C-alpha atoms as a PDB file:
ATOM      1  CA  ILE A   1     -79.040 -14.043  21.922  1.00  0.00           C
ATOM      2  CA  GLY A   2     -77.733 -16.887  19.795  1.00  0.00           C
ATOM      3  CA  VAL A   3     -80.791 -16.703  17.511  1.00  0.00           C
ATOM      4  CA  VAL A   4     -80.401 -12.932  17.106  1.00  0.00           C
ATOM      5  CA  LEU A   5     -76.690 -13.298  16.312  1.00  0.00           C
ATOM      6  CA  ASP A   6     -77.413 -16.099  13.860  1.00  0.00           C
ATOM      7  CA  ALA A   7     -80.068 -13.994  12.090  1.00  0.00           C
ATOM      8  CA  TYR A   8     -77.703 -11.022  11.988  1.00  0.00           C
ATOM      9  CA  ASN A   9     -74.915 -13.153  10.506  1.00  0.00           C
ATOM     10  CA  ARG A  10     -77.311 -14.646   7.946  1.00  0.00           C
ATOM     11  CA  ILE A  11     -78.470 -11.176   6.830  1.00  0.00           C
ATOM     12  CA  LYS A  12     -74.903  -9.946   6.723  1.00  0.00           C
ATOM     13  CA  SER A  13     -73.746 -12.924   4.656  1.00  0.00           C
ATOM     14  CA  GLU A  14     -76.567 -12.528   2.124  1.00  0.00           C
ATOM     15  CA  GLY A  15     -74.866  -9.387   0.938  1.00  0.00           C
ATOM     16  CA  SER A  16     -71.425 -11.040   1.156  1.00  0.00           C
ATOM     17  CA  GLY A  17     -70.877  -9.213   4.417  1.00  0.00           C
ATOM     18  CA  THR A  18     -71.919  -5.856   2.981  1.00  0.00           C
ATOM     19  CA  ALA A  19     -75.641  -5.729   3.740  1.00  0.00           C
ATOM     20  CA  PHE A  20     -75.227  -2.789   6.108  1.00  0.00           C
ATOM     21  CA  MET A  21     -72.529  -0.873   4.158  1.00  0.00           C
ATOM     22  CA  THR A  22     -72.424   1.622   1.371  1.00  0.00           C
ATOM     23  CA  THR A  23     -70.678   0.696  -1.866  1.00  0.00           C
ATOM     24  CA  GLY A  24     -67.565   2.658  -0.894  1.00  0.00           C
ATOM     25  CA  GLN A  25     -67.420   0.988   2.508  1.00  0.00           C
ATOM     26  CA  ALA A  26     -67.814  -2.450   0.911  1.00  0.00           C
ATOM     27  CA  GLU A  27     -64.926  -1.740  -1.468  1.00  0.00           C
ATOM     28  CA  TRP A  28     -62.747  -0.573   1.427  1.00  0.00           C
ATOM     29  CA  VAL A  29     -63.526  -3.762   3.402  1.00  0.00           C
ATOM     30  CA  ALA A  30     -62.718  -5.915   0.355  1.00  0.00           C
ATOM     31  CA  THR A  31     -59.394  -4.119  -0.060  1.00  0.00           C
ATOM     32  CA  GLN A  32     -58.533  -4.597   3.619  1.00  0.00           C
ATOM     33  CA  ARG A  33     -59.396  -8.296   3.440  1.00  0.00           C
ATOM     34  CA  SER A  34     -57.153  -8.803   0.426  1.00  0.00           C
ATOM     35  CA  ILE A  35     -54.286  -7.004   2.195  1.00  0.00           C
ATOM     36  CA  ILE A  36     -54.709  -9.161   5.298  1.00  0.00           C
ATOM     37  CA  ALA A  37     -54.895 -12.329   3.203  1.00  0.00           C
ATOM     38  CA  GLN A  38     -51.584 -11.492   1.535  1.00  0.00           C
ATOM     39  CA  ARG A  39     -49.760 -10.788   4.801  1.00  0.00           C
ATOM     40  CA  PRO A  40     -47.726 -13.846   5.789  1.00  0.00           C
ATOM     41  CA  LEU A  41     -48.025 -15.227   9.306  1.00  0.00           C
ATOM     42  CA  LYS A  42     -44.888 -14.652  11.318  1.00  0.00           C
ATOM     43  CA  ALA A  43     -43.355 -17.818  12.698  1.00  0.00           C
ATOM     44  CA  ALA A  44     -41.562 -17.787  16.000  1.00  0.00           C
ATOM     45  CA  ASN A  45     -37.830 -17.263  15.628  1.00  0.00           C
ATOM     46  CA  ALA A  46     -35.515 -19.690  17.339  1.00  0.00           C
ATOM     47  CA  PRO A  47     -33.619 -18.094  20.231  1.00  0.00           C
ATOM     48  CA  ALA A  48     -29.929 -17.368  19.873  1.00  0.00           C
ATOM     49  CA  GLN A  49     -29.054 -18.696  23.334  1.00  0.00           C
ATOM     50  CA  GLU A  50     -28.369 -22.421  23.535  1.00  0.00           C
ATOM     51  CA  TRP A  51     -29.974 -22.810  26.945  1.00  0.00           C
ATOM     52  CA  ARG A  52     -33.314 -21.577  25.507  1.00  0.00           C
ATOM     53  CA  MET A  53     -33.199 -23.878  22.459  1.00  0.00           C
ATOM     54  CA  GLY A  54     -34.337 -26.928  24.428  1.00  0.00           C
ATOM     55  CA  ALA A  55     -37.397 -25.067  25.691  1.00  0.00           C
ATOM     56  CA  PHE A  56     -38.063 -23.689  22.201  1.00  0.00           C
ATOM     57  CA  ASN A  57     -37.924 -27.153  20.620  1.00  0.00           C
ATOM     58  CA  LEU A  58     -40.219 -28.484  23.346  1.00  0.00           C
ATOM     59  CA  VAL A  59     -42.943 -25.816  23.157  1.00  0.00           C
ATOM     60  CA  THR A  60     -43.016 -25.658  19.352  1.00  0.00           C
ATOM     61  CA  GLY A  61     -43.339 -29.431  19.030  1.00  0.00           C
ATOM     62  CA  THR A  62     -46.638 -31.138  18.303  1.00  0.00           C
ATOM     63  CA  TYR A  63     -46.404 -33.479  21.309  1.00  0.00           C
ATOM     64  CA  PHE A  64     -46.294 -30.533  23.717  1.00  0.00           C
ATOM     65  CA  ASP A  65     -49.339 -28.992  22.051  1.00  0.00           C
ATOM     66  CA  LEU A  66     -51.206 -32.311  22.189  1.00  0.00           C
ATOM     67  CA  PHE A  67     -50.266 -32.727  25.865  1.00  0.00           C
ATOM     68  CA  ILE A  68     -51.559 -29.240  26.734  1.00  0.00           C
ATOM     69  CA  MET A  69     -54.772 -29.884  24.796  1.00  0.00           C
ATOM     70  CA  GLY A  70     -55.245 -33.119  26.745  1.00  0.00           C
ATOM     71  CA  VAL A  71     -54.668 -31.246  30.002  1.00  0.00           C
ATOM     72  CA  ILE A  72     -57.232 -28.603  28.968  1.00  0.00           C
ATOM     73  CA  ILE A  73     -59.828 -31.276  28.178  1.00  0.00           C
ATOM     74  CA  ALA A  74     -59.165 -33.087  31.466  1.00  0.00           C
ATOM     75  CA  ASN A  75     -59.383 -29.782  33.370  1.00  0.00           C
ATOM     76  CA  VAL A  76     -62.715 -28.891  31.761  1.00  0.00           C
ATOM     77  CA  LEU A  77     -64.093 -32.364  32.497  1.00  0.00           C
ATOM     78  CA  LEU A  78     -62.987 -32.084  36.126  1.00  0.00           C
ATOM     79  CA  MET A  79     -64.578 -28.647  36.416  1.00  0.00           C
ATOM     80  CA  ALA A  80     -67.788 -30.092  34.964  1.00  0.00           C
ATOM     81  CA  SER A  81     -67.824 -32.747  37.703  1.00  0.00           C
ATOM     82  CA  ASP A  82     -67.922 -30.154  40.476  1.00  0.00           C
ATOM     83  CA  HIS A  83     -71.262 -30.121  42.273  1.00  0.00           C
ATOM     84  CA  TRP A  84     -73.051 -28.706  45.273  1.00  0.00           C
ATOM     85  CA  ASN A  85     -72.288 -30.256  48.654  1.00  0.00           C
ATOM     86  CA  PRO A  86     -69.596 -32.743  47.585  1.00  0.00           C
ATOM     87  CA  SER A  87     -68.254 -35.415  49.919  1.00  0.00           C
ATOM     88  CA  GLU A  88     -65.074 -34.637  51.803  1.00  0.00           C
ATOM     89  CA  GLY A  89     -63.037 -37.089  49.723  1.00  0.00           C
ATOM     90  CA  PHE A  90     -64.264 -35.631  46.455  1.00  0.00           C
ATOM     91  CA  ALA A  91     -63.627 -32.067  47.609  1.00  0.00           C
ATOM     92  CA  THR A  92     -60.057 -32.954  48.601  1.00  0.00           C
ATOM     93  CA  ALA A  93     -59.365 -34.769  45.330  1.00  0.00           C
ATOM     94  CA  TYR A  94     -60.959 -31.934  43.369  1.00  0.00           C
ATOM     95  CA  SER A  95     -58.891 -29.193  45.022  1.00  0.00           C
ATOM     96  CA  ARG A  96     -55.666 -31.198  44.667  1.00  0.00           C
ATOM     97  CA  SER A  97     -56.404 -31.907  41.006  1.00  0.00           C
ATOM     98  CA  MET A  98     -57.127 -28.241  40.354  1.00  0.00           C
ATOM     99  CA  ALA A  99     -53.795 -27.377  41.993  1.00  0.00           C
ATOM    100  CA  VAL A 100     -52.022 -29.891  39.730  1.00  0.00           C
ATOM    101  CA  PHE A 101     -53.661 -28.345  36.662  1.00  0.00           C
ATOM    102  CA  SER A 102     -52.598 -24.899  37.875  1.00  0.00           C
ATOM    103  CA  TYR A 103     -48.988 -26.065  38.249  1.00  0.00           C
ATOM    104  CA  ILE A 104     -49.063 -27.539  34.740  1.00  0.00           C
ATOM    105  CA  TYR A 105     -50.305 -24.197  33.384  1.00  0.00           C
ATOM    106  CA  TYR A 106     -47.610 -22.343  35.369  1.00  0.00           C
ATOM    107  CA  CYS A 107     -44.934 -24.593  33.866  1.00  0.00           C
ATOM    108  CA  GLU A 108     -46.390 -24.103  30.380  1.00  0.00           C
ATOM    109  CA  ALA A 109     -46.256 -20.313  30.737  1.00  0.00           C
ATOM    110  CA  VAL A 110     -42.714 -20.339  32.118  1.00  0.00           C
ATOM    111  CA  LEU A 111     -41.511 -22.679  29.363  1.00  0.00           C
ATOM    112  CA  LYS A 112     -43.150 -20.602  26.631  1.00  0.00           C
ATOM    113  CA  ILE A 113     -41.821 -17.309  27.997  1.00  0.00           C
ATOM    114  CA  THR A 114     -38.361 -18.858  28.271  1.00  0.00           C
ATOM    115  CA  ALA A 115     -38.534 -20.242  24.742  1.00  0.00           C
ATOM    116  CA  LEU A 116     -40.255 -17.398  22.916  1.00  0.00           C
ATOM    117  CA  GLY A 117     -39.181 -14.403  24.969  1.00  0.00           C
ATOM    118  CA  LEU A 118     -41.323 -11.314  24.369  1.00  0.00           C
ATOM    119  CA  ASN A 119     -42.797 -12.937  21.248  1.00  0.00           C
ATOM    120  CA  TYR A 120     -44.935 -14.912  23.704  1.00  0.00           C
ATOM    121  CA  PHE A 121     -47.028 -11.800  24.316  1.00  0.00           C
ATOM    122  CA  ARG A 122     -47.648 -11.151  20.605  1.00  0.00           C
ATOM    123  CA  ASP A 123     -50.019 -14.106  20.360  1.00  0.00           C
ATOM    124  CA  ASN A 124     -53.555 -13.473  21.639  1.00  0.00           C
ATOM    125  CA  TRP A 125     -53.924 -17.022  22.969  1.00  0.00           C
ATOM    126  CA  CYS A 126     -50.710 -16.683  24.932  1.00  0.00           C
ATOM    127  CA  ARG A 127     -51.843 -13.374  26.422  1.00  0.00           C
ATOM    128  CA  PHE A 128     -55.148 -14.973  27.427  1.00  0.00           C
ATOM    129  CA  ASP A 129     -53.330 -17.956  28.952  1.00  0.00           C
ATOM    130  CA  PHE A 130     -50.993 -15.600  30.813  1.00  0.00           C
ATOM    131  CA  PHE A 131     -53.994 -13.723  32.239  1.00  0.00           C
ATOM    132  CA  LEU A 132     -55.467 -17.021  33.433  1.00  0.00           C
ATOM    133  CA  VAL A 133     -52.143 -18.051  34.966  1.00  0.00           C
ATOM    134  CA  CYS A 134     -51.876 -14.721  36.808  1.00  0.00           C
ATOM    135  CA  THR A 135     -55.428 -14.981  38.185  1.00  0.00           C
ATOM    136  CA  SER A 136     -54.747 -18.572  39.248  1.00  0.00           C
ATOM    137  CA  LEU A 137     -51.560 -17.490  41.022  1.00  0.00           C
ATOM    138  CA  ILE A 138     -53.390 -14.703  42.847  1.00  0.00           C
ATOM    139  CA  ASP A 139     -56.254 -17.044  43.759  1.00  0.00           C
ATOM    140  CA  GLN A 140     -53.939 -19.799  44.941  1.00  0.00           C
ATOM    141  CA  PHE A 141     -51.342 -17.824  46.861  1.00  0.00           C
ATOM    142  CA  ALA A 142     -52.528 -14.289  47.574  1.00  0.00           C
ATOM    143  CA  SER A 143     -56.310 -14.316  47.994  1.00  0.00           C
ATOM    144  CA  GLU A 144     -56.172 -14.117  51.807  1.00  0.00           C
ATOM    145  CA  LEU A 145     -53.535 -11.392  51.660  1.00  0.00           C
ATOM    146  CA  LEU A 146     -55.599  -9.461  49.130  1.00  0.00           C
ATOM    147  CA  ALA A 147     -58.690  -9.759  51.328  1.00  0.00           C
ATOM    148  CA  GLN A 148     -56.816  -8.058  54.190  1.00  0.00           C
ATOM    149  CA  TYR A 149     -55.915  -4.953  52.165  1.00  0.00           C
ATOM    150  CA  LEU A 150     -58.679  -4.666  49.572  1.00  0.00           C
ATOM    151  CA  PRO A 151     -62.428  -4.872  50.084  1.00  0.00           C
ATOM    152  CA  ILE A 152     -62.626  -7.659  47.489  1.00  0.00           C
ATOM    153  CA  PRO A 153     -64.019 -10.979  48.692  1.00  0.00           C
ATOM    154  CA  PRO A 154     -61.676 -13.926  47.944  1.00  0.00           C
ATOM    155  CA  MET A 155     -64.551 -15.756  46.243  1.00  0.00           C
ATOM    156  CA  LEU A 156     -64.435 -13.189  43.430  1.00  0.00           C
ATOM    157  CA  LEU A 157     -61.037 -14.512  42.358  1.00  0.00           C
ATOM    158  CA  ARG A 158     -62.349 -18.061  42.457  1.00  0.00           C
ATOM    159  CA  VAL A 159     -65.100 -17.039  40.062  1.00  0.00           C
ATOM    160  CA  LEU A 160     -62.354 -16.185  37.563  1.00  0.00           C
ATOM    161  CA  ARG A 161     -61.563 -19.915  37.480  1.00  0.00           C
ATOM    162  CA  ILE A 162     -64.574 -20.189  35.214  1.00  0.00           C
ATOM    163  CA  LEU A 163     -62.495 -18.478  32.536  1.00  0.00           C
ATOM    164  CA  ARG A 164     -60.357 -21.622  32.417  1.00  0.00           C
ATOM    165  CA  ILE A 165     -63.219 -23.235  30.563  1.00  0.00           C
ATOM    166  CA  LEU A 166     -62.588 -20.800  27.718  1.00  0.00           C
ATOM    167  CA  ARG A 167     -59.189 -22.438  27.210  1.00  0.00           C
ATOM    168  CA  ILE A 168     -61.077 -25.146  25.360  1.00  0.00           C
ATOM    169  CA  LEU A 169     -61.587 -22.594  22.588  1.00  0.00           C
ATOM    170  CA  ARG A 170     -57.939 -23.208  21.667  1.00  0.00           C
ATOM    171  CA  LEU A 171     -59.094 -26.589  20.427  1.00  0.00           C
ATOM    172  CA  LEU A 172     -61.671 -24.889  18.215  1.00  0.00           C
ATOM    173  CA  LYS A 173     -59.332 -22.607  16.262  1.00  0.00           C
ATOM    174  CA  GLY A 174     -60.914 -23.727  12.991  1.00  0.00           C
ATOM    175  CA  ALA A 175     -64.519 -23.493  14.175  1.00  0.00           C
ATOM    176  CA  LYS A 176     -64.889 -19.709  13.956  1.00  0.00           C
ATOM    177  CA  ASP A 177     -68.714 -19.713  14.004  1.00  0.00           C
ATOM    178  CA  LEU A 178     -68.779 -21.760  17.204  1.00  0.00           C
ATOM    179  CA  ARG A 179     -66.210 -19.473  18.850  1.00  0.00           C
ATOM    180  CA  ASP A 180     -68.277 -16.420  17.832  1.00  0.00           C
ATOM    181  CA  LEU A 181     -71.396 -17.950  19.345  1.00  0.00           C
ATOM    182  CA  ILE A 182     -69.587 -18.743  22.608  1.00  0.00           C
END
């Protein structure tokens, strides 16, 4: 699939992205790209309430972002260490560590929602993180309850943990080709 996508992208780029378009379509795409390029990115507005300012200053700071990136990398490395038939000690440490990572992600979401308000949901990364937090909450606290009322096996929710690996794509914001391939 990667080879096919790479060949498609190469063919598309040979015609400056217009290999499969008519001349009119290519002009329309060029116009849309210039409009998008001129649109300024909207920065998050500081909240008016004083009690939210501390959270806003925290989540918009570079140290918070670096901390969360470090947590994402550590979480992915821990998930990569999972293996079939682990020892009892490893399984206990693994599940406790995954719970700690979940709590860190819960705190991140709560802090960001507190700081940014509804603007939190305007960012695609934040919406993706919120989806992961919600699935983690359901997996951690309500999977047995869900199994009683719905014919969904609890293991299905645990499979959604795999999506946590995609959080690492936040680190690759500049590497668009790599994100497209993934």
